[in-house]
C-alpha atoms as a PDB file:
ATOM      1  CA  MET A   1     145.871  61.062 173.794  1.00  0.00           C
ATOM      2  CA  SER A   2     145.343  57.826 175.497  1.00  0.00           C
ATOM      3  CA  THR A   3     142.571  55.273 174.338  1.00  0.00           C
ATOM      4  CA  PRO A   4     140.118  53.247 176.394  1.00  0.00           C
ATOM      5  CA  GLY A   5     141.793  50.594 178.131  1.00  0.00           C
ATOM      6  CA  GLU A   6     145.244  51.924 177.765  1.00  0.00           C
ATOM      7  CA  THR A   7     145.843  52.583 181.422  1.00  0.00           C
ATOM      8  CA  GLY A   8     143.451  50.069 182.521  1.00  0.00           C
ATOM      9  CA  THR A   9     142.051  52.555 185.188  1.00  0.00           C
ATOM     10  CA  GLU A  10     140.166  55.346 183.063  1.00  0.00           C
ATOM     11  CA  ALA A  11     137.445  54.586 180.828  1.00  0.00           C
ATOM     12  CA  TRP A  12     135.826  57.076 178.388  1.00  0.00           C
ATOM     13  CA  PRO A  13     132.410  58.207 179.008  1.00  0.00           C
ATOM     14  CA  LEU A  14     129.574  56.817 177.081  1.00  0.00           C
ATOM     15  CA  TRP A  15     127.573  59.234 174.463  1.00  0.00           C
ATOM     16  CA  GLU A  16     124.202  58.963 173.222  1.00  0.00           C
ATOM     17  CA  VAL A  17     124.030  60.199 169.563  1.00  0.00           C
ATOM     18  CA  PHE A  18     120.739  61.955 168.014  1.00  0.00           C
ATOM     19  CA  VAL A  19     120.852  62.931 164.284  1.00  0.00           C
ATOM     20  CA  ARG A  20     118.582  65.137 162.236  1.00  0.00           C
ATOM     21  CA  ALA A  21     118.127  64.027 158.645  1.00  0.00           C
ATOM     22  CA  ASN A  22     116.704  67.282 157.432  1.00  0.00           C
ATOM     23  CA  ARG A  23     115.782  70.855 158.717  1.00  0.00           C
ATOM     24  CA  GLY A  24     112.204  70.910 160.303  1.00  0.00           C
ATOM     25  CA  LEU A  25     112.726  67.161 161.368  1.00  0.00           C
ATOM     26  CA  SER A  26     113.214  66.047 164.974  1.00  0.00           C
ATOM     27  CA  HIS A  27     116.555  64.666 166.018  1.00  0.00           C
ATOM     28  CA  VAL A  28     116.232  60.703 166.267  1.00  0.00           C
ATOM     29  CA  HIS A  29     118.311  58.555 168.444  1.00  0.00           C
ATOM     30  CA  VAL A  30     120.811  56.553 166.268  1.00  0.00           C
ATOM     31  CA  GLY A  31     123.208  54.824 168.635  1.00  0.00           C
ATOM     32  CA  SER A  32     125.862  55.196 171.435  1.00  0.00           C
ATOM     33  CA  LEU A  33     129.542  55.482 171.232  1.00  0.00           C
ATOM     34  CA  HIS A  34     132.623  56.026 173.667  1.00  0.00           C
ATOM     35  CA  ALA A  35     134.619  59.386 173.432  1.00  0.00           C
ATOM     36  CA  PRO A  36     136.896  61.311 175.949  1.00  0.00           C
ATOM     37  CA  ASP A  37     135.057  64.589 175.477  1.00  0.00           C
ATOM     38  CA  ALA A  38     132.053  66.435 173.800  1.00  0.00           C
ATOM     39  CA  ASP A  39     133.944  67.403 170.740  1.00  0.00           C
ATOM     40  CA  MET A  40     135.460  63.892 170.257  1.00  0.00           C
ATOM     41  CA  ALA A  41     132.116  62.429 170.617  1.00  0.00           C
ATOM     42  CA  VAL A  42     130.680  64.603 167.833  1.00  0.00           C
ATOM     43  CA  ARG A  43     133.378  63.875 165.412  1.00  0.00           C
ATOM     44  CA  ASN A  44     133.119  60.333 166.106  1.00  0.00           C
ATOM     45  CA  ALA A  45     129.418  60.424 165.785  1.00  0.00           C
ATOM     46  CA  ARG A  46     129.667  62.195 162.351  1.00  0.00           C
ATOM     47  CA  ASP A  47     132.306  59.812 160.894  1.00  0.00           C
ATOM     48  CA  LEU A  48     130.005  56.734 162.467  1.00  0.00           C
ATOM     49  CA  TYR A  49     126.539  57.765 161.816  1.00  0.00           C
ATOM     50  CA  THR A  50     126.413  60.186 158.832  1.00  0.00           C
ATOM     51  CA  ARG A  51     128.918  58.725 156.421  1.00  0.00           C
ATOM     52  CA  ARG A  52     126.335  59.147 153.382  1.00  0.00           C
ATOM     53  CA  ASN A  53     125.788  62.711 154.062  1.00  0.00           C
ATOM     54  CA  GLU A  54     122.354  61.786 155.762  1.00  0.00           C
ATOM     55  CA  GLY A  55     122.388  64.138 158.620  1.00  0.00           C
ATOM     56  CA  VAL A  56     122.373  68.064 158.946  1.00  0.00           C
ATOM     57  CA  SER A  57     122.538  68.013 162.732  1.00  0.00           C
ATOM     58  CA  ILE A  58     124.184  65.889 165.357  1.00  0.00           C
ATOM     59  CA  TRP A  59     123.404  66.001 169.331  1.00  0.00           C
ATOM     60  CA  VAL A  60     125.663  64.305 171.516  1.00  0.00           C
ATOM     61  CA  VAL A  61     124.461  63.789 175.186  1.00  0.00           C
ATOM     62  CA  PRO A  62     126.493  61.961 178.095  1.00  0.00           C
ATOM     63  CA  ALA A  63     124.564  58.907 179.007  1.00  0.00           C
ATOM     64  CA  ASP A  64     124.891  59.625 182.667  1.00  0.00           C
ATOM     65  CA  ALA A  65     123.051  62.770 182.132  1.00  0.00           C
ATOM     66  CA  ILE A  66     119.878  61.403 180.639  1.00  0.00           C
ATOM     67  CA  THR A  67     116.888  60.351 183.339  1.00  0.00           C
ATOM     68  CA  THR A  68     114.541  58.036 181.986  1.00  0.00           C
ATOM     69  CA  SER A  69     111.136  56.671 183.511  1.00  0.00           C
ATOM     70  CA  ASP A  70     110.436  53.064 184.659  1.00  0.00           C
ATOM     71  CA  PRO A  71     108.770  51.094 181.993  1.00  0.00           C
ATOM     72  CA  ASP A  72     107.223  48.661 184.615  1.00  0.00           C
ATOM     73  CA  ALA A  73     105.349  51.771 186.304  1.00  0.00           C
ATOM     74  CA  LYS A  74     104.125  53.140 182.870  1.00  0.00           C
ATOM     75  CA  GLY A  75     100.399  52.758 183.966  1.00  0.00           C
ATOM     76  CA  ALA A  76     100.591  55.173 187.139  1.00  0.00           C
ATOM     77  CA  PHE A  77     102.995  57.512 185.238  1.00  0.00           C
ATOM     78  CA  PHE A  78     101.279  58.063 182.056  1.00  0.00           C
ATOM     79  CA  GLU A  79      97.535  57.658 183.307  1.00  0.00           C
ATOM     80  CA  SER A  80      95.598  60.844 182.875  1.00  0.00           C
ATOM     81  CA  PRO A  81      94.447  62.227 186.296  1.00  0.00           C
ATOM     82  CA  ALA A  82      90.882  61.557 187.425  1.00  0.00           C
ATOM     83  CA  GLY A  83      88.904  64.780 187.331  1.00  0.00           C
ATOM     84  CA  LYS A  84      90.947  66.654 185.121  1.00  0.00           C
ATOM     85  CA  ASN A  85      88.661  66.158 181.729  1.00  0.00           C
ATOM     86  CA  TYR A  86      89.834  69.683 180.731  1.00  0.00           C
ATOM     87  CA  ARG A  87      92.886  68.426 179.558  1.00  0.00           C
ATOM     88  CA  HIS A  88      91.379  66.555 176.937  1.00  0.00           C
ATOM     89  CA  ALA A  89      90.348  68.229 173.592  1.00  0.00           C
ATOM     90  CA  VAL A  90      86.938  66.823 173.685  1.00  0.00           C
ATOM     91  CA  TYR A  91      85.990  68.742 176.833  1.00  0.00           C
ATOM     92  CA  TYR A  92      85.926  71.965 174.592  1.00  0.00           C
ATOM     93  CA  THR A  93      83.437  72.728 172.064  1.00  0.00           C
ATOM     94  CA  LYS A  94      84.269  74.240 168.765  1.00  0.00           C
ATOM     95  CA  SER A  95      83.536  78.019 168.212  1.00  0.00           C
ATOM     96  CA  GLU A  96      81.373  78.807 165.095  1.00  0.00           C
ATOM     97  CA  GLY A  97      83.475  81.979 164.419  1.00  0.00           C
ATOM     98  CA  VAL A  98      86.994  80.273 164.703  1.00  0.00           C
ATOM     99  CA  LYS A  99      88.397  79.081 161.239  1.00  0.00           C
ATOM    100  CA  HIS A 100      90.639  76.306 160.433  1.00  0.00           C
ATOM    101  CA  LEU A 101      89.616  73.945 163.675  1.00  0.00           C
END
């Protein structure tokens, strides 16, 4: 197996690593690494990011498969549309017969 830069023409893809510390918790982004394929990315992520047995699950995602929103356009992207108050919890009234609300 070759390593990055060995041939000078091929580069290993970048993988984003997410680790779940315990069952029931969300996966959290912990870093990035280069690896030739998904299996090697999981193995390298295990060795690099869970050395003290702090993880129960690892996700690796090719960095080029992630689509993001533009932070500079956050106002228009995250604003609640006008006239759609029904999307807010304050629009609804609490029913007397419903418990645990």
